[in-house]
PDB file of all heavy atoms in Angstrom:
ATOM      1  N   ARG A   1      37.069 -22.897 -32.154  1.00  0.00           N
ATOM      2  CA  ARG A   1      35.850 -23.516 -31.802  1.00  0.00           C
ATOM      3  C   ARG A   1      36.099 -24.320 -30.491  1.00  0.00           C
ATOM      4  O   ARG A   1      36.859 -25.278 -30.405  1.00  0.00           O
ATOM      5  CB  ARG A   1      35.278 -24.533 -32.896  1.00  0.00           C
ATOM      6  CG  ARG A   1      33.978 -25.104 -32.514  1.00  0.00           C
ATOM      7  CD  ARG A   1      33.503 -25.998 -33.701  1.00  0.00           C
ATOM      8  NE  ARG A   1      32.084 -26.501 -33.473  1.00  0.00           N
ATOM      9  CZ  ARG A   1      31.005 -25.791 -33.783  1.00  0.00           C
ATOM     10  NH1 ARG A   1      31.017 -24.699 -34.356  1.00  0.00           N
ATOM     11  NH2 ARG A   1      29.778 -26.345 -33.615  1.00  0.00           N
ATOM     12  N   LEU A   2      35.366 -23.915 -29.396  1.00  0.00           N
ATOM     13  CA  LEU A   2      35.694 -24.597 -28.172  1.00  0.00           C
ATOM     14  C   LEU A   2      34.489 -25.667 -27.972  1.00  0.00           C
ATOM     15  O   LEU A   2      33.419 -25.505 -28.447  1.00  0.00           O
ATOM     16  CB  LEU A   2      35.519 -23.579 -26.975  1.00  0.00           C
ATOM     17  CG  LEU A   2      36.569 -22.391 -27.046  1.00  0.00           C
ATOM     18  CD1 LEU A   2      36.283 -21.530 -25.837  1.00  0.00           C
ATOM     19  CD2 LEU A   2      38.003 -22.830 -27.186  1.00  0.00           C
ATOM     20  N   SER A   3      34.827 -26.731 -27.245  1.00  0.00           N
ATOM     21  CA  SER A   3      33.815 -27.737 -27.114  1.00  0.00           C
ATOM     22  C   SER A   3      33.779 -27.952 -25.442  1.00  0.00           C
ATOM     23  O   SER A   3      34.743 -27.858 -24.845  1.00  0.00           O
ATOM     24  CB  SER A   3      34.332 -29.051 -27.733  1.00  0.00           C
ATOM     25  OG  SER A   3      34.192 -28.938 -29.092  1.00  0.00           O
ATOM     26  N   CYS A   4      32.521 -28.297 -25.131  1.00  0.00           N
ATOM     27  CA  CYS A   4      32.292 -28.571 -23.660  1.00  0.00           C
ATOM     28  C   CYS A   4      31.643 -29.994 -23.589  1.00  0.00           C
ATOM     29  O   CYS A   4      30.678 -30.251 -24.201  1.00  0.00           O
ATOM     30  CB  CYS A   4      31.326 -27.588 -23.087  1.00  0.00           C
ATOM     31  SG  CYS A   4      30.870 -27.797 -21.408  1.00  0.00           S
ATOM     32  N   ALA A   5      32.331 -30.870 -22.887  1.00  0.00           N
ATOM     33  CA  ALA A   5      31.787 -32.245 -22.685  1.00  0.00           C
ATOM     34  C   ALA A   5      31.528 -32.390 -21.068  1.00  0.00           C
ATOM     35  O   ALA A   5      31.962 -31.631 -20.326  1.00  0.00           O
ATOM     36  CB  ALA A   5      32.762 -33.279 -23.131  1.00  0.00           C
ATOM     37  N   ALA A   6      30.820 -33.451 -20.812  1.00  0.00           N
ATOM     38  CA  ALA A   6      30.466 -33.782 -19.342  1.00  0.00           C
ATOM     39  C   ALA A   6      31.098 -34.959 -18.823  1.00  0.00           C
ATOM     40  O   ALA A   6      31.210 -35.983 -19.535  1.00  0.00           O
ATOM     41  CB  ALA A   6      28.878 -33.819 -19.341  1.00  0.00           C
ATOM     42  N   SER A   7      31.584 -34.822 -17.622  1.00  0.00           N
ATOM     43  CA  SER A   7      32.165 -35.960 -16.857  1.00  0.00           C
ATOM     44  C   SER A   7      31.343 -36.205 -15.599  1.00  0.00           C
ATOM     45  O   SER A   7      31.264 -35.244 -14.759  1.00  0.00           O
ATOM     46  CB  SER A   7      33.582 -35.716 -16.560  1.00  0.00           C
ATOM     47  OG  SER A   7      34.093 -36.801 -15.796  1.00  0.00           O
ATOM     48  N   GLY A   8      30.583 -37.246 -15.516  1.00  0.00           N
ATOM     49  CA  GLY A   8      29.837 -37.475 -14.314  1.00  0.00           C
ATOM     50  C   GLY A   8      28.417 -36.881 -14.310  1.00  0.00           C
ATOM     51  O   GLY A   8      27.789 -36.928 -13.248  1.00  0.00           O
ATOM     52  N   PHE A   9      27.994 -36.285 -15.373  1.00  0.00           N
ATOM     53  CA  PHE A   9      26.622 -35.805 -15.441  1.00  0.00           C
ATOM     54  C   PHE A   9      26.198 -35.656 -16.976  1.00  0.00           C
ATOM     55  O   PHE A   9      27.054 -35.881 -17.808  1.00  0.00           O
ATOM     56  CB  PHE A   9      26.474 -34.446 -14.870  1.00  0.00           C
ATOM     57  CG  PHE A   9      27.209 -33.287 -15.534  1.00  0.00           C
ATOM     58  CD1 PHE A   9      26.547 -32.419 -16.280  1.00  0.00           C
ATOM     59  CD2 PHE A   9      28.573 -33.074 -15.455  1.00  0.00           C
ATOM     60  CE1 PHE A   9      27.073 -31.327 -16.987  1.00  0.00           C
ATOM     61  CE2 PHE A   9      29.215 -31.992 -16.031  1.00  0.00           C
ATOM     62  CZ  PHE A   9      28.475 -31.177 -16.802  1.00  0.00           C
ATOM     63  N   THR A  10      24.943 -35.319 -17.193  1.00  0.00           N
ATOM     64  CA  THR A  10      24.474 -35.261 -18.523  1.00  0.00           C
ATOM     65  C   THR A  10      24.231 -33.836 -18.917  1.00  0.00           C
ATOM     66  O   THR A  10      23.346 -33.222 -18.210  1.00  0.00           O
ATOM     67  CB  THR A  10      23.158 -36.096 -18.683  1.00  0.00           C
ATOM     68  OG1 THR A  10      23.466 -37.519 -18.347  1.00  0.00           O
ATOM     69  CG2 THR A  10      22.692 -36.116 -20.088  1.00  0.00           C
ATOM     70  N   LEU A  11      24.804 -33.431 -19.958  1.00  0.00           N
ATOM     71  CA  LEU A  11      24.800 -31.977 -20.228  1.00  0.00           C
ATOM     72  C   LEU A  11      23.312 -31.574 -20.568  1.00  0.00           C
ATOM     73  O   LEU A  11      22.867 -30.428 -20.396  1.00  0.00           O
ATOM     74  CB  LEU A  11      25.647 -31.685 -21.500  1.00  0.00           C
ATOM     75  CG  LEU A  11      27.076 -31.308 -21.254  1.00  0.00           C
ATOM     76  CD1 LEU A  11      27.710 -31.126 -22.589  1.00  0.00           C
ATOM     77  CD2 LEU A  11      27.223 -30.068 -20.492  1.00  0.00           C
ATOM     78  N   ASP A  12      22.635 -32.534 -21.198  1.00  0.00           N
ATOM     79  CA  ASP A  12      21.270 -32.002 -21.839  1.00  0.00           C
ATOM     80  C   ASP A  12      20.161 -31.837 -20.730  1.00  0.00           C
ATOM     81  O   ASP A  12      19.041 -31.475 -20.975  1.00  0.00           O
ATOM     82  CB  ASP A  12      20.785 -32.987 -22.896  1.00  0.00           C
ATOM     83  CG  ASP A  12      20.595 -34.443 -22.489  1.00  0.00           C
ATOM     84  OD1 ASP A  12      20.730 -34.727 -21.254  1.00  0.00           O
ATOM     85  OD2 ASP A  12      20.176 -35.184 -23.320  1.00  0.00           O
ATOM     86  N   TYR A  13      20.619 -32.029 -19.480  1.00  0.00           N
ATOM     87  CA  TYR A  13      19.600 -31.796 -18.447  1.00  0.00           C
ATOM     88  C   TYR A  13      19.604 -30.334 -18.023  1.00  0.00           C
ATOM     89  O   TYR A  13      18.809 -29.896 -17.301  1.00  0.00           O
ATOM     90  CB  TYR A  13      20.027 -32.540 -17.089  1.00  0.00           C
ATOM     91  CG  TYR A  13      19.750 -34.027 -17.189  1.00  0.00           C
ATOM     92  CD1 TYR A  13      20.161 -34.836 -16.149  1.00  0.00           C
ATOM     93  CD2 TYR A  13      19.007 -34.655 -18.306  1.00  0.00           C
ATOM     94  CE1 TYR A  13      19.795 -36.261 -16.263  1.00  0.00           C
ATOM     95  CE2 TYR A  13      18.800 -35.986 -18.298  1.00  0.00           C
ATOM     96  CZ  TYR A  13      19.210 -36.819 -17.264  1.00  0.00           C
ATOM     97  OH  TYR A  13      18.987 -38.104 -17.274  1.00  0.00           O
ATOM     98  N   TYR A  14      20.688 -29.555 -18.524  1.00  0.00           N
ATOM     99  CA  TYR A  14      20.909 -28.199 -17.994  1.00  0.00           C
ATOM    100  C   TYR A  14      21.100 -27.203 -19.192  1.00  0.00           C
ATOM    101  O   TYR A  14      21.540 -27.526 -20.230  1.00  0.00           O
ATOM    102  CB  TYR A  14      22.134 -28.175 -17.149  1.00  0.00           C
ATOM    103  CG  TYR A  14      22.188 -29.208 -16.020  1.00  0.00           C
ATOM    104  CD1 TYR A  14      22.806 -30.371 -16.136  1.00  0.00           C
ATOM    105  CD2 TYR A  14      21.348 -29.005 -14.922  1.00  0.00           C
ATOM    106  CE1 TYR A  14      22.746 -31.280 -15.143  1.00  0.00           C
ATOM    107  CE2 TYR A  14      21.339 -29.959 -13.917  1.00  0.00           C
ATOM    108  CZ  TYR A  14      22.060 -31.044 -13.959  1.00  0.00           C
ATOM    109  OH  TYR A  14      22.033 -31.972 -13.036  1.00  0.00           O
ATOM    110  N   ALA A  15      20.886 -25.946 -18.734  1.00  0.00           N
ATOM    111  CA  ALA A  15      21.405 -24.787 -19.553  1.00  0.00           C
ATOM    112  C   ALA A  15      22.922 -24.859 -19.417  1.00  0.00           C
ATOM    113  O   ALA A  15      23.458 -25.186 -18.258  1.00  0.00           O
ATOM    114  CB  ALA A  15      20.828 -23.474 -19.111  1.00  0.00           C
ATOM    115  N   ILE A  16      23.664 -24.482 -20.338  1.00  0.00           N
ATOM    116  CA  ILE A  16      25.149 -24.463 -20.284  1.00  0.00           C
ATOM    117  C   ILE A  16      25.632 -23.045 -20.493  1.00  0.00           C
ATOM    118  O   ILE A  16      25.235 -22.372 -21.525  1.00  0.00           O
ATOM    119  CB  ILE A  16      25.806 -25.410 -21.280  1.00  0.00           C
ATOM    120  CG1 ILE A  16      25.267 -26.765 -21.013  1.00  0.00           C
ATOM    121  CG2 ILE A  16      27.312 -25.257 -21.170  1.00  0.00           C
ATOM    122  CD1 ILE A  16      25.608 -27.383 -19.609  1.00  0.00           C
ATOM    123  N   GLY A  17      26.509 -22.530 -19.601  1.00  0.00           N
ATOM    124  CA  GLY A  17      27.082 -21.244 -19.851  1.00  0.00           C
ATOM    125  C   GLY A  17      28.616 -21.301 -20.102  1.00  0.00           C
ATOM    126  O   GLY A  17      29.232 -22.184 -19.630  1.00  0.00           O
ATOM    127  N   TRP A  18      29.035 -20.429 -21.004  1.00  0.00           N
ATOM    128  CA  TRP A  18      30.417 -20.307 -21.170  1.00  0.00           C
ATOM    129  C   TRP A  18      30.840 -18.922 -20.347  1.00  0.00           C
ATOM    130  O   TRP A  18      30.362 -17.925 -20.596  1.00  0.00           O
ATOM    131  CB  TRP A  18      30.797 -20.109 -22.672  1.00  0.00           C
ATOM    132  CG  TRP A  18      30.909 -21.420 -23.323  1.00  0.00           C
ATOM    133  CD1 TRP A  18      29.923 -21.977 -24.095  1.00  0.00           C
ATOM    134  CD2 TRP A  18      32.078 -22.207 -23.384  1.00  0.00           C
ATOM    135  NE1 TRP A  18      30.329 -23.196 -24.672  1.00  0.00           N
ATOM    136  CE2 TRP A  18      31.578 -23.345 -24.212  1.00  0.00           C
ATOM    137  CE3 TRP A  18      33.318 -22.310 -22.897  1.00  0.00           C
ATOM    138  CZ2 TRP A  18      32.578 -24.451 -24.536  1.00  0.00           C
ATOM    139  CZ3 TRP A  18      34.112 -23.338 -23.119  1.00  0.00           C
ATOM    140  CH2 TRP A  18      33.707 -24.348 -23.952  1.00  0.00           C
ATOM    141  N   PHE A  19      32.061 -19.074 -19.702  1.00  0.00           N
ATOM    142  CA  PHE A  19      32.554 -17.982 -18.996  1.00  0.00           C
ATOM    143  C   PHE A  19      34.131 -17.799 -19.363  1.00  0.00           C
ATOM    144  O   PHE A  19      34.631 -18.757 -19.957  1.00  0.00           O
ATOM    145  CB  PHE A  19      32.454 -18.210 -17.454  1.00  0.00           C
ATOM    146  CG  PHE A  19      31.129 -18.368 -16.928  1.00  0.00           C
ATOM    147  CD1 PHE A  19      30.331 -19.438 -17.130  1.00  0.00           C
ATOM    148  CD2 PHE A  19      30.583 -17.227 -16.200  1.00  0.00           C
ATOM    149  CE1 PHE A  19      29.036 -19.499 -16.707  1.00  0.00           C
ATOM    150  CE2 PHE A  19      29.302 -17.415 -15.618  1.00  0.00           C
ATOM    151  CZ  PHE A  19      28.511 -18.438 -15.865  1.00  0.00           C
ATOM    152  N   ARG A  20      34.677 -16.685 -19.069  1.00  0.00           N
ATOM    153  CA  ARG A  20      36.079 -16.511 -19.296  1.00  0.00           C
ATOM    154  C   ARG A  20      36.659 -15.652 -18.197  1.00  0.00           C
ATOM    155  O   ARG A  20      35.896 -14.848 -17.594  1.00  0.00           O
ATOM    156  CB  ARG A  20      36.321 -15.866 -20.607  1.00  0.00           C
ATOM    157  CG  ARG A  20      35.816 -14.428 -20.847  1.00  0.00           C
ATOM    158  CD  ARG A  20      35.992 -13.956 -22.233  1.00  0.00           C
ATOM    159  NE  ARG A  20      35.595 -12.597 -22.442  1.00  0.00           N
ATOM    160  CZ  ARG A  20      35.543 -11.977 -23.659  1.00  0.00           C
ATOM    161  NH1 ARG A  20      35.898 -12.622 -24.804  1.00  0.00           N
ATOM    162  NH2 ARG A  20      35.194 -10.725 -23.749  1.00  0.00           N
ATOM    163  N   GLN A  21      37.929 -15.920 -17.926  1.00  0.00           N
ATOM    164  CA  GLN A  21      38.615 -15.071 -17.012  1.00  0.00           C
ATOM    165  C   GLN A  21      40.052 -14.723 -17.563  1.00  0.00           C
ATOM    166  O   GLN A  21      40.780 -15.654 -17.831  1.00  0.00           O
ATOM    167  CB  GLN A  21      38.875 -15.862 -15.632  1.00  0.00           C
ATOM    168  CG  GLN A  21      39.411 -14.988 -14.570  1.00  0.00           C
ATOM    169  CD  GLN A  21      39.282 -15.647 -13.173  1.00  0.00           C
ATOM    170  OE1 GLN A  21      39.136 -16.883 -13.081  1.00  0.00           O
ATOM    171  NE2 GLN A  21      39.347 -14.870 -12.181  1.00  0.00           N
ATOM    172  N   ALA A  22      40.124 -13.441 -17.716  1.00  0.00           N
ATOM    173  CA  ALA A  22      41.491 -12.903 -18.192  1.00  0.00           C
ATOM    174  C   ALA A  22      42.324 -12.604 -16.917  1.00  0.00           C
ATOM    175  O   ALA A  22      41.845 -12.366 -15.873  1.00  0.00           O
ATOM    176  CB  ALA A  22      41.307 -11.564 -18.932  1.00  0.00           C
ATOM    177  N   PRO A  23      43.618 -12.563 -17.176  1.00  0.00           N
ATOM    178  CA  PRO A  23      44.582 -12.261 -16.099  1.00  0.00           C
ATOM    179  C   PRO A  23      44.177 -10.955 -15.386  1.00  0.00           C
ATOM    180  O   PRO A  23      44.009  -9.886 -15.975  1.00  0.00           O
ATOM    181  CB  PRO A  23      45.913 -12.137 -16.810  1.00  0.00           C
ATOM    182  CG  PRO A  23      45.802 -12.992 -17.962  1.00  0.00           C
ATOM    183  CD  PRO A  23      44.447 -12.798 -18.434  1.00  0.00           C
ATOM    184  N   GLY A  24      44.093 -11.066 -13.940  1.00  0.00           N
ATOM    185  CA  GLY A  24      43.777  -9.850 -13.279  1.00  0.00           C
ATOM    186  C   GLY A  24      42.390  -9.444 -13.219  1.00  0.00           C
ATOM    187  O   GLY A  24      42.050  -8.370 -12.659  1.00  0.00           O
ATOM    188  N   LYS A  25      41.560 -10.145 -13.975  1.00  0.00           N
ATOM    189  CA  LYS A  25      40.089  -9.796 -13.996  1.00  0.00           C
ATOM    190  C   LYS A  25      39.272 -10.824 -13.371  1.00  0.00           C
ATOM    191  O   LYS A  25      39.646 -12.046 -13.299  1.00  0.00           O
ATOM    192  CB  LYS A  25      39.705  -9.476 -15.406  1.00  0.00           C
ATOM    193  CG  LYS A  25      40.412  -8.342 -16.045  1.00  0.00           C
ATOM    194  CD  LYS A  25      39.858  -8.045 -17.415  1.00  0.00           C
ATOM    195  CE  LYS A  25      40.528  -6.807 -18.069  1.00  0.00           C
ATOM    196  NZ  LYS A  25      39.957  -6.480 -19.428  1.00  0.00           N
ATOM    197  N   GLU A  26      38.044 -10.439 -13.086  1.00  0.00           N
ATOM    198  CA  GLU A  26      37.041 -11.397 -12.579  1.00  0.00           C
ATOM    199  C   GLU A  26      36.442 -12.310 -13.718  1.00  0.00           C
ATOM    200  O   GLU A  26      36.487 -11.825 -14.899  1.00  0.00           O
ATOM    201  CB  GLU A  26      35.882 -10.679 -11.914  1.00  0.00           C
ATOM    202  CG  GLU A  26      36.317 -10.057 -10.532  1.00  0.00           C
ATOM    203  CD  GLU A  26      35.139  -9.473  -9.832  1.00  0.00           C
ATOM    204  OE1 GLU A  26      33.984  -9.557 -10.285  1.00  0.00           O
ATOM    205  OE2 GLU A  26      35.376  -8.982  -8.666  1.00  0.00           O
ATOM    206  N   ARG A  27      36.004 -13.451 -13.340  1.00  0.00           N
ATOM    207  CA  ARG A  27      35.426 -14.294 -14.403  1.00  0.00           C
ATOM    208  C   ARG A  27      34.058 -13.668 -14.819  1.00  0.00           C
ATOM    209  O   ARG A  27      33.302 -13.165 -14.010  1.00  0.00           O
ATOM    210  CB  ARG A  27      35.039 -15.673 -13.755  1.00  0.00           C
ATOM    211  CG  ARG A  27      34.556 -16.728 -14.719  1.00  0.00           C
ATOM    212  CD  ARG A  27      34.922 -18.164 -14.303  1.00  0.00           C
ATOM    213  NE  ARG A  27      34.856 -18.335 -12.878  1.00  0.00           N
ATOM    214  CZ  ARG A  27      35.433 -19.385 -12.307  1.00  0.00           C
ATOM    215  NH1 ARG A  27      36.210 -20.225 -12.960  1.00  0.00           N
ATOM    216  NH2 ARG A  27      35.207 -19.590 -11.005  1.00  0.00           N
ATOM    217  N   GLU A  28      33.804 -13.673 -16.119  1.00  0.00           N
ATOM    218  CA  GLU A  28      32.610 -13.106 -16.611  1.00  0.00           C
ATOM    219  C   GLU A  28      31.847 -14.110 -17.563  1.00  0.00           C
ATOM    220  O   GLU A  28      32.433 -14.914 -18.159  1.00  0.00           O
ATOM    221  CB  GLU A  28      32.937 -11.852 -17.405  1.00  0.00           C
ATOM    222  CG  GLU A  28      33.855 -12.115 -18.646  1.00  0.00           C
ATOM    223  CD  GLU A  28      33.972 -10.892 -19.612  1.00  0.00           C
ATOM    224  OE1 GLU A  28      33.269  -9.886 -19.416  1.00  0.00           O
ATOM    225  OE2 GLU A  28      34.869 -10.965 -20.374  1.00  0.00           O
ATOM    226  N   GLY A  29      30.612 -13.950 -17.552  1.00  0.00           N
ATOM    227  CA  GLY A  29      29.730 -14.755 -18.443  1.00  0.00           C
ATOM    228  C   GLY A  29      29.834 -14.291 -19.815  1.00  0.00           C
ATOM    229  O   GLY A  29      29.804 -13.077 -20.269  1.00  0.00           O
ATOM    230  N   VAL A  30      30.039 -15.223 -20.803  1.00  0.00           N
ATOM    231  CA  VAL A  30      30.158 -14.878 -22.193  1.00  0.00           C
ATOM    232  C   VAL A  30      28.874 -15.251 -23.002  1.00  0.00           C
ATOM    233  O   VAL A  30      28.450 -14.414 -23.780  1.00  0.00           O
ATOM    234  CB  VAL A  30      31.423 -15.651 -22.752  1.00  0.00           C
ATOM    235  CG1 VAL A  30      31.598 -15.496 -24.221  1.00  0.00           C
ATOM    236  CG2 VAL A  30      32.674 -15.193 -22.166  1.00  0.00           C
ATOM    237  N   SER A  31      28.421 -16.452 -22.769  1.00  0.00           N
ATOM    238  CA  SER A  31      27.220 -16.855 -23.513  1.00  0.00           C
ATOM    239  C   SER A  31      26.583 -18.004 -22.749  1.00  0.00           C
ATOM    240  O   SER A  31      27.184 -18.715 -21.979  1.00  0.00           O
ATOM    241  CB  SER A  31      27.673 -17.325 -24.843  1.00  0.00           C
ATOM    242  OG  SER A  31      26.583 -17.658 -25.726  1.00  0.00           O
ATOM    243  N   CYS A  32      25.267 -18.177 -23.102  1.00  0.00           N
ATOM    244  CA  CYS A  32      24.500 -19.274 -22.441  1.00  0.00           C
ATOM    245  C   CYS A  32      23.521 -19.926 -23.465  1.00  0.00           C
ATOM    246  O   CYS A  32      22.968 -19.137 -24.333  1.00  0.00           O
ATOM    247  CB  CYS A  32      23.717 -18.628 -21.254  1.00  0.00           C
ATOM    248  SG  CYS A  32      22.726 -19.906 -20.246  1.00  0.00           S
TER     249      CYS A  32
END
């Protein structure tokens, strides 16, 4: 279970996306 917190802004103002980047690959969107 991954968690995302905010530093310097408020999360609930925005949609939040999770991305991932594997070695040698481009970053890809996982979920929003």
